[in-house]
C-alpha atoms as a PDB file:
ATOM      1  CA  MET A   1       6.224 104.939 110.766  1.00  0.00           C
ATOM      2  CA  PRO A   2      10.316 105.637 111.669  1.00  0.00           C
ATOM      3  CA  GLU A   3      11.224 108.173 114.325  1.00  0.00           C
ATOM      4  CA  ILE A   4      13.957 110.168 111.625  1.00  0.00           C
ATOM      5  CA  LEU A   5      16.376 110.953 114.517  1.00  0.00           C
ATOM      6  CA  TYR A   6      19.242 113.009 112.337  1.00  0.00           C
ATOM      7  CA  PRO A   7      19.978 113.351 108.563  1.00  0.00           C
ATOM      8  CA  LEU A   8      23.484 110.975 108.344  1.00  0.00           C
ATOM      9  CA  HIS A   9      24.712 111.715 104.828  1.00  0.00           C
ATOM     10  CA  VAL A  10      23.950 112.625 100.846  1.00  0.00           C
ATOM     11  CA  ALA A  11      24.970 110.662  98.217  1.00  0.00           C
ATOM     12  CA  ILE A  12      25.501 111.716  94.241  1.00  0.00           C
ATOM     13  CA  GLN A  13      26.520 110.003  92.095  1.00  0.00           C
ATOM     14  CA  VAL A  14      29.947 111.311  89.903  1.00  0.00           C
ATOM     15  CA  SER A  15      31.200 109.953  86.317  1.00  0.00           C
ATOM     16  CA  GLU A  16      35.431 110.717  87.366  1.00  0.00           C
ATOM     17  CA  LEU A  17      36.087 110.038  90.670  1.00  0.00           C
ATOM     18  CA  GLY A  18      39.725 112.012  90.315  1.00  0.00           C
ATOM     19  CA  ALA A  19      37.734 115.246  89.045  1.00  0.00           C
ATOM     20  CA  ALA A  20      35.106 115.002  91.587  1.00  0.00           C
ATOM     21  CA  GLU A  21      37.630 114.523  94.035  1.00  0.00           C
ATOM     22  CA  ARG A  22      39.822 117.936  93.157  1.00  0.00           C
ATOM     23  CA  PHE A  23      36.710 119.311  92.901  1.00  0.00           C
ATOM     24  CA  TYR A  24      35.222 118.756  96.371  1.00  0.00           C
ATOM     25  CA  SER A  25      38.705 118.675  98.221  1.00  0.00           C
ATOM     26  CA  GLU A  26      40.424 121.461  96.582  1.00  0.00           C
ATOM     27  CA  VAL A  27      37.635 124.142  95.044  1.00  0.00           C
ATOM     28  CA  ILE A  28      34.848 123.444  97.761  1.00  0.00           C
ATOM     29  CA  GLY A  29      37.401 122.547 100.950  1.00  0.00           C
ATOM     30  CA  LEU A  30      36.282 119.526 102.444  1.00  0.00           C
ATOM     31  CA  SER A  31      38.277 116.987 104.095  1.00  0.00           C
ATOM     32  CA  LYS A  32      38.404 113.578 102.872  1.00  0.00           C
ATOM     33  CA  LEU A  33      37.649 110.392 104.653  1.00  0.00           C
ATOM     34  CA  GLU A  34      40.077 107.691 104.695  1.00  0.00           C
ATOM     35  CA  GLU A  35      38.166 105.071 105.835  1.00  0.00           C
ATOM     36  CA  ARG A  36      35.184 103.778 104.031  1.00  0.00           C
ATOM     37  CA  ASN A  37      34.392  99.922 104.393  1.00  0.00           C
ATOM     38  CA  LEU A  38      32.235  99.421 101.190  1.00  0.00           C
ATOM     39  CA  THR A  39      33.668  97.678  97.842  1.00  0.00           C
ATOM     40  CA  PHE A  40      32.646 100.160  95.336  1.00  0.00           C
ATOM     41  CA  PRO A  41      34.288 102.915  94.151  1.00  0.00           C
ATOM     42  CA  GLY A  42      33.740 106.172  95.544  1.00  0.00           C
ATOM     43  CA  THR A  43      34.967 108.978  98.533  1.00  0.00           C
ATOM     44  CA  TRP A  44      33.778 110.171 101.478  1.00  0.00           C
ATOM     45  CA  TYR A  45      33.758 113.615 102.627  1.00  0.00           C
ATOM     46  CA  GLN A  46      33.209 114.477 106.536  1.00  0.00           C
ATOM     47  CA  ILE A  47      31.178 117.727 107.339  1.00  0.00           C
ATOM     48  CA  GLY A  48      30.775 118.082 110.902  1.00  0.00           C
ATOM     49  CA  ASP A  49      28.381 115.210 112.507  1.00  0.00           C
ATOM     50  CA  PHE A  50      26.928 114.815 108.211  1.00  0.00           C
ATOM     51  CA  GLN A  51      28.911 113.222 105.189  1.00  0.00           C
ATOM     52  CA  LEU A  52      28.604 113.629 101.037  1.00  0.00           C
ATOM     53  CA  HIS A  53      29.254 110.287  99.604  1.00  0.00           C
ATOM     54  CA  LEU A  54      30.643 110.486  95.462  1.00  0.00           C
ATOM     55  CA  ILE A  55      29.370 107.101  94.468  1.00  0.00           C
ATOM     56  CA  VAL A  56      31.171 105.935  91.195  1.00  0.00           C
ATOM     57  CA  SER A  57      28.905 105.829  88.253  1.00  0.00           C
ATOM     58  CA  ASP A  58      29.112 104.315  84.907  1.00  0.00           C
ATOM     59  CA  TRP A  59      25.302 105.092  84.552  1.00  0.00           C
ATOM     60  CA  ALA A  60      25.434 108.835  85.398  1.00  0.00           C
ATOM     61  CA  LYS A  61      24.019 109.426  81.871  1.00  0.00           C
ATOM     62  CA  ASN A  62      21.361 106.782  82.783  1.00  0.00           C
ATOM     63  CA  PRO A  63      19.996 106.870  86.018  1.00  0.00           C
ATOM     64  CA  VAL A  64      17.373 104.167  86.367  1.00  0.00           C
ATOM     65  CA  ARG A  65      18.853 101.280  88.007  1.00  0.00           C
ATOM     66  CA  GLU A  66      16.594  99.436  90.096  1.00  0.00           C
ATOM     67  CA  GLU A  67      18.407  96.127  91.009  1.00  0.00           C
ATOM     68  CA  LYS A  68      20.506  98.588  93.844  1.00  0.00           C
ATOM     69  CA  TRP A  69      18.719 102.070  94.816  1.00  0.00           C
ATOM     70  CA  GLY A  70      21.266 102.354  97.017  1.00  0.00           C
ATOM     71  CA  ARG A  71      23.703 103.473  94.382  1.00  0.00           C
ATOM     72  CA  HIS A  72      20.957 106.204  93.488  1.00  0.00           C
ATOM     73  CA  PRO A  73      21.378 109.656  94.628  1.00  0.00           C
ATOM     74  CA  HIS A  74      20.292 109.653  98.395  1.00  0.00           C
ATOM     75  CA  LEU A  75      19.605 111.400 101.416  1.00  0.00           C
ATOM     76  CA  THR A  76      19.771 109.576 104.544  1.00  0.00           C
ATOM     77  CA  PHE A  77      18.348 109.390 108.093  1.00  0.00           C
ATOM     78  CA  ALA A  78      19.524 107.506 111.373  1.00  0.00           C
ATOM     79  CA  ILE A  79      16.653 105.558 112.737  1.00  0.00           C
ATOM     80  CA  HIS A  80      16.319 103.279 115.939  1.00  0.00           C
ATOM     81  CA  ASN A  81      14.801 100.105 115.226  1.00  0.00           C
ATOM     82  CA  LEU A  82      14.607  99.034 111.077  1.00  0.00           C
ATOM     83  CA  ALA A  83      12.102  95.977 111.821  1.00  0.00           C
ATOM     84  CA  ASP A  84       9.714  98.298 113.268  1.00  0.00           C
ATOM     85  CA  VAL A  85       9.985 100.576 109.989  1.00  0.00           C
ATOM     86  CA  ILE A  86      10.356  97.215 107.914  1.00  0.00           C
ATOM     87  CA  ALA A  87       6.668  96.375 109.572  1.00  0.00           C
ATOM     88  CA  SER A  88       5.577  99.486 109.291  1.00  0.00           C
ATOM     89  CA  LEU A  89       6.364 100.044 105.357  1.00  0.00           C
ATOM     90  CA  LYS A  90       4.876  95.841 104.748  1.00  0.00           C
ATOM     91  CA  ALA A  91       1.870  96.965 106.430  1.00  0.00           C
ATOM     92  CA  GLN A  92       1.305 100.283 104.219  1.00  0.00           C
ATOM     93  CA  LYS A  93       2.925  97.884 100.718  1.00  0.00           C
ATOM     94  CA  ILE A  94       5.249 100.405 100.717  1.00  0.00           C
ATOM     95  CA  ASP A  95       8.179  98.889  98.134  1.00  0.00           C
ATOM     96  CA  PHE A  96      11.709  98.560  99.599  1.00  0.00           C
ATOM     97  CA  GLN A  97      15.451  97.351  99.189  1.00  0.00           C
ATOM     98  CA  LEU A  98      17.936  96.156 102.116  1.00  0.00           C
ATOM     99  CA  SER A  99      21.228  97.131 102.056  1.00  0.00           C
ATOM    100  CA  SER A 100      23.015  94.514  99.756  1.00  0.00           C
ATOM    101  CA  SER A 101      26.128  95.532 102.196  1.00  0.00           C
ATOM    102  CA  GLY A 102      24.707  93.846 104.923  1.00  0.00           C
ATOM    103  CA  ARG A 103      24.101  97.266 107.011  1.00  0.00           C
ATOM    104  CA  ALA A 104      21.441  97.502 108.834  1.00  0.00           C
ATOM    105  CA  ALA A 105      19.500  99.587 106.594  1.00  0.00           C
ATOM    106  CA  LEU A 106      17.124  99.953 103.504  1.00  0.00           C
ATOM    107  CA  PHE A 107      16.344 102.489 100.451  1.00  0.00           C
ATOM    108  CA  VAL A 108      12.783 103.309 100.129  1.00  0.00           C
ATOM    109  CA  LYS A 109      11.954 105.832  96.639  1.00  0.00           C
ATOM    110  CA  ASP A 110       9.294 108.536  97.890  1.00  0.00           C
ATOM    111  CA  PRO A 111       6.460 109.467  95.228  1.00  0.00           C
ATOM    112  CA  ASP A 112       8.675 111.317  92.533  1.00  0.00           C
ATOM    113  CA  GLY A 113      10.829 108.588  92.615  1.00  0.00           C
ATOM    114  CA  ASN A 114      13.859 110.119  94.499  1.00  0.00           C
ATOM    115  CA  VAL A 115      15.448 107.334  97.009  1.00  0.00           C
ATOM    116  CA  VAL A 116      15.948 107.930 100.937  1.00  0.00           C
ATOM    117  CA  GLU A 117      17.585 105.029 102.915  1.00  0.00           C
ATOM    118  CA  LEU A 118      16.882 105.078 106.473  1.00  0.00           C
ATOM    119  CA  LEU A 119      20.188 103.558 108.389  1.00  0.00           C
ATOM    120  CA  GLU A 120      19.787 101.734 112.031  1.00  0.00           C
ATOM    121  CA  ILE A 121      22.127 103.109 114.637  1.00  0.00           C
ATOM    122  CA  ASN A 122      22.888 102.344 118.345  1.00  0.00           C
ATOM    123  CA  GLU A 123      23.846 105.512 119.180  1.00  0.00           C
ATOM    124  CA  PRO A 124      22.342 107.888 121.365  1.00  0.00           C
ATOM    125  CA  VAL A 125      20.557 111.107 119.219  1.00  0.00           C
ATOM    126  CA  HIS A 126      22.615 114.196 119.222  1.00  0.00           C
END
């Protein structure tokens, strides 16, 4: 079982990035991050130690996308040891997907199909 350190981000799907950015920047007043190291379209916002990720999705009306769970709306938790988590999930026969970005992360679904990302960090706990 992973030791959850703290939440890192929530990712939501948006169909029109410009409209979503106007809403979250101008209406809600969030500060947009300029740096992103992922290859798909989206915008990240920093909220203290937490982030909101907007992910552009042309399949927002059809959210079933089994080949990449990380593109689903999801909550992300920081963990210390991804290898231990993988071993635990395998022992419990729980399906998961490793991050396709190459990061030390995986995605798992709760019993209702909600996606949770577990992302390995090497920083001390807050």
